């Protein structure tokens, strides 16, 4: 999944939605928070090839957890 580095918030949120769908589909069992926690850990990012954009912050992490939960 290509990382979106621009300032367009709508595209950023769409990128988060895509990442959330991939996490929900591919990372196994657990709560949304657990899956995101693993996906964003050093081990998870390395093994799944997840690259975080420069704009990703705590608010984006909360959105990601919410979006993963919606996909479970």
N, C-alpha and C. Protein backbone atom coordinates (compact mmCIF):
# COMPACT_ATOMS: atom_id res chain seq x y z
N UNK A 1 0.85 -1.17 0.00
CA UNK A 1 0.00 0.00 0.00
C UNK A 1 0.89 1.24 0.00
N UNK A 2 0.71 2.08 -1.00
CA UNK A 2 1.51 3.30 -1.10
C UNK A 2 1.14 4.28 0.00
N UNK A 3 2.12 4.95 0.54
CA UNK A 3 1.91 5.93 1.58
C UNK A 3 1.52 7.26 0.94
N UNK A 4 0.46 7.88 1.47
CA UNK A 4 0.06 9.19 0.98
C UNK A 4 0.70 10.25 1.87
N UNK A 5 1.53 11.12 1.30
CA UNK A 5 2.26 12.12 2.07
C UNK A 5 1.73 13.55 1.90
N UNK A 6 0.64 13.73 1.17
CA UNK A 6 0.14 15.09 0.94
C UNK A 6 -0.64 15.65 2.10
N UNK A 7 -1.11 16.91 1.94
CA UNK A 7 -1.83 17.63 2.99
C UNK A 7 -3.34 17.52 2.88
N UNK A 8 -3.86 16.85 1.86
CA UNK A 8 -5.31 16.72 1.65
C UNK A 8 -5.87 15.77 2.70
N UNK A 9 -6.61 16.30 3.67
CA UNK A 9 -7.10 15.49 4.79
C UNK A 9 -8.05 14.39 4.32
N UNK A 10 -8.83 14.66 3.33
CA UNK A 10 -9.74 13.62 2.82
C UNK A 10 -8.95 12.43 2.29
N UNK A 11 -7.88 12.69 1.57
CA UNK A 11 -7.04 11.60 1.06
C UNK A 11 -6.31 10.90 2.20
N UNK A 12 -5.93 11.64 3.23
CA UNK A 12 -5.29 11.02 4.38
C UNK A 12 -6.26 10.04 5.05
N UNK A 13 -7.50 10.48 5.26
CA UNK A 13 -8.50 9.62 5.91
C UNK A 13 -8.80 8.41 5.03
N UNK A 14 -8.88 8.60 3.73
CA UNK A 14 -9.10 7.47 2.83
C UNK A 14 -7.94 6.48 2.90
N UNK A 15 -6.72 6.98 3.03
CA UNK A 15 -5.56 6.11 3.19
C UNK A 15 -5.69 5.31 4.49
N UNK A 16 -6.10 5.99 5.58
CA UNK A 16 -6.30 5.30 6.85
C UNK A 16 -7.36 4.22 6.73
N UNK A 17 -8.44 4.51 6.00
CA UNK A 17 -9.50 3.51 5.80
C UNK A 17 -8.96 2.28 5.06
N UNK A 18 -8.13 2.51 4.05
CA UNK A 18 -7.54 1.39 3.33
C UNK A 18 -6.62 0.56 4.20
N UNK A 19 -5.80 1.23 5.01
CA UNK A 19 -4.92 0.53 5.93
C UNK A 19 -5.74 -0.26 6.94
N UNK A 20 -6.81 0.33 7.44
CA UNK A 20 -7.68 -0.34 8.40
C UNK A 20 -8.29 -1.61 7.81
N UNK A 21 -8.73 -1.54 6.58
CA UNK A 21 -9.30 -2.72 5.92
C UNK A 21 -8.26 -3.82 5.81
N UNK A 22 -7.03 -3.46 5.44
CA UNK A 22 -5.95 -4.45 5.34
C UNK A 22 -5.63 -5.07 6.69
N UNK A 23 -5.59 -4.25 7.73
CA UNK A 23 -5.30 -4.76 9.07
C UNK A 23 -6.40 -5.72 9.51
N UNK A 24 -7.65 -5.32 9.34
CA UNK A 24 -8.78 -6.15 9.77
C UNK A 24 -8.82 -7.48 9.02
N UNK A 25 -8.49 -7.47 7.75
CA UNK A 25 -8.54 -8.68 6.92
C UNK A 25 -7.37 -9.62 7.15
N UNK A 26 -6.20 -9.08 7.46
CA UNK A 26 -4.98 -9.88 7.40
C UNK A 26 -4.25 -10.16 8.71
N UNK A 27 -4.61 -9.49 9.79
CA UNK A 27 -3.80 -9.65 11.00
C UNK A 27 -4.38 -10.59 12.04
N UNK A 28 -5.38 -11.37 11.70
CA UNK A 28 -5.86 -12.39 12.62
C UNK A 28 -6.91 -11.92 13.59
N UNK A 29 -6.87 -12.50 14.78
CA UNK A 29 -7.90 -12.30 15.80
C UNK A 29 -7.46 -11.26 16.82
N UNK A 30 -8.45 -10.60 17.43
CA UNK A 30 -8.18 -9.64 18.48
C UNK A 30 -9.10 -8.44 18.36
N UNK A 31 -8.99 -7.55 19.32
CA UNK A 31 -9.76 -6.32 19.26
C UNK A 31 -9.12 -5.38 18.26
N UNK A 32 -9.85 -4.36 17.88
CA UNK A 32 -9.30 -3.36 16.97
C UNK A 32 -8.04 -2.74 17.55
N UNK A 33 -8.07 -2.40 18.83
CA UNK A 33 -6.90 -1.78 19.47
C UNK A 33 -5.71 -2.72 19.48
N UNK A 34 -5.94 -4.02 19.73
CA UNK A 34 -4.85 -4.99 19.73
C UNK A 34 -4.25 -5.15 18.33
N UNK A 35 -5.10 -5.22 17.33
CA UNK A 35 -4.62 -5.39 15.95
C UNK A 35 -3.81 -4.18 15.51
N UNK A 36 -4.31 -2.98 15.82
CA UNK A 36 -3.57 -1.77 15.45
C UNK A 36 -2.27 -1.70 16.24
N UNK A 37 -2.32 -2.03 17.50
CA UNK A 37 -1.11 -2.03 18.32
C UNK A 37 -0.03 -2.91 17.72
N UNK A 38 -0.41 -4.11 17.28
CA UNK A 38 0.57 -4.99 16.66
C UNK A 38 1.03 -4.44 15.32
N UNK A 39 0.09 -4.00 14.50
CA UNK A 39 0.42 -3.51 13.15
C UNK A 39 1.40 -2.34 13.21
N UNK A 40 1.27 -1.50 14.22
CA UNK A 40 2.11 -0.31 14.31
C UNK A 40 3.38 -0.54 15.14
N UNK A 41 3.50 -1.72 15.73
CA UNK A 41 4.72 -2.02 16.48
C UNK A 41 5.86 -2.22 15.49
N UNK A 42 7.08 -2.17 15.99
CA UNK A 42 8.26 -2.39 15.15
C UNK A 42 8.17 -3.72 14.42
N UNK A 43 7.82 -4.77 15.16
CA UNK A 43 7.71 -6.11 14.57
C UNK A 43 6.61 -6.16 13.51
N UNK A 44 5.47 -5.59 13.82
CA UNK A 44 4.36 -5.60 12.87
C UNK A 44 4.67 -4.82 11.61
N UNK A 45 5.24 -3.65 11.76
CA UNK A 45 5.56 -2.83 10.58
C UNK A 45 6.59 -3.53 9.70
N UNK A 46 7.58 -4.16 10.33
CA UNK A 46 8.60 -4.86 9.55
C UNK A 46 8.03 -6.09 8.85
N UNK A 47 7.27 -6.91 9.57
CA UNK A 47 6.79 -8.15 8.97
C UNK A 47 5.68 -7.92 7.95
N UNK A 48 4.89 -6.86 8.10
CA UNK A 48 3.80 -6.59 7.17
C UNK A 48 4.14 -5.47 6.19
N UNK A 49 5.30 -4.88 6.32
CA UNK A 49 5.72 -3.83 5.39
C UNK A 49 4.90 -2.56 5.51
N UNK A 50 4.47 -2.24 6.71
CA UNK A 50 3.66 -1.04 6.93
C UNK A 50 4.58 0.15 7.09
N UNK A 51 4.34 1.16 6.28
CA UNK A 51 5.10 2.40 6.33
C UNK A 51 4.14 3.52 6.73
N UNK A 52 4.46 4.24 7.78
CA UNK A 52 3.59 5.32 8.25
C UNK A 52 4.02 6.65 7.63
N UNK A 53 3.04 7.43 7.20
CA UNK A 53 3.37 8.75 6.63
C UNK A 53 3.79 9.73 7.72
N UNK A 54 4.43 10.80 7.32
CA UNK A 54 4.91 11.81 8.27
C UNK A 54 3.78 12.49 9.03
N UNK A 55 2.61 12.58 8.44
CA UNK A 55 1.49 13.27 9.09
C UNK A 55 0.78 12.41 10.12
N UNK A 56 1.06 11.14 10.21
CA UNK A 56 0.37 10.21 11.12
C UNK A 56 0.66 10.61 12.56
N UNK A 57 -0.42 10.82 13.35
CA UNK A 57 -0.26 11.22 14.74
C UNK A 57 -1.25 10.45 15.62
N UNK A 58 -1.37 10.85 16.89
CA UNK A 58 -2.24 10.15 17.84
C UNK A 58 -3.70 10.17 17.39
N UNK A 59 -4.15 11.27 16.83
CA UNK A 59 -5.53 11.34 16.33
C UNK A 59 -5.74 10.33 15.20
N UNK A 60 -4.75 10.22 14.33
CA UNK A 60 -4.85 9.26 13.23
C UNK A 60 -4.86 7.83 13.75
N UNK A 61 -4.10 7.57 14.80
CA UNK A 61 -4.11 6.23 15.40
C UNK A 61 -5.50 5.91 15.96
N UNK A 62 -6.13 6.88 16.62
CA UNK A 62 -7.49 6.66 17.13
C UNK A 62 -8.47 6.38 15.99
N UNK A 63 -8.34 7.14 14.91
CA UNK A 63 -9.19 6.90 13.74
C UNK A 63 -8.94 5.51 13.18
N UNK A 64 -7.68 5.11 13.11
CA UNK A 64 -7.34 3.80 12.58
C UNK A 64 -7.98 2.69 13.42
N UNK A 65 -7.92 2.82 14.74
CA UNK A 65 -8.56 1.83 15.62
C UNK A 65 -10.06 1.80 15.33
N UNK A 66 -10.69 2.95 15.22
CA UNK A 66 -12.12 3.02 14.93
C UNK A 66 -12.43 2.34 13.60
N UNK A 67 -11.65 2.65 12.57
CA UNK A 67 -11.90 2.07 11.25
C UNK A 67 -11.67 0.57 11.23
N UNK A 68 -10.65 0.10 11.93
CA UNK A 68 -10.44 -1.36 12.03
C UNK A 68 -11.64 -2.00 12.69
N UNK A 69 -12.13 -1.39 13.78
CA UNK A 69 -13.31 -1.92 14.47
C UNK A 69 -14.51 -2.00 13.55
N UNK A 70 -14.68 -1.01 12.69
CA UNK A 70 -15.80 -1.03 11.74
C UNK A 70 -15.64 -2.14 10.71
N UNK A 71 -14.42 -2.57 10.44
CA UNK A 71 -14.16 -3.63 9.47
C UNK A 71 -14.18 -5.03 10.05
N UNK A 72 -14.18 -5.14 11.38
CA UNK A 72 -14.18 -6.47 11.99
C UNK A 72 -15.56 -7.09 11.97
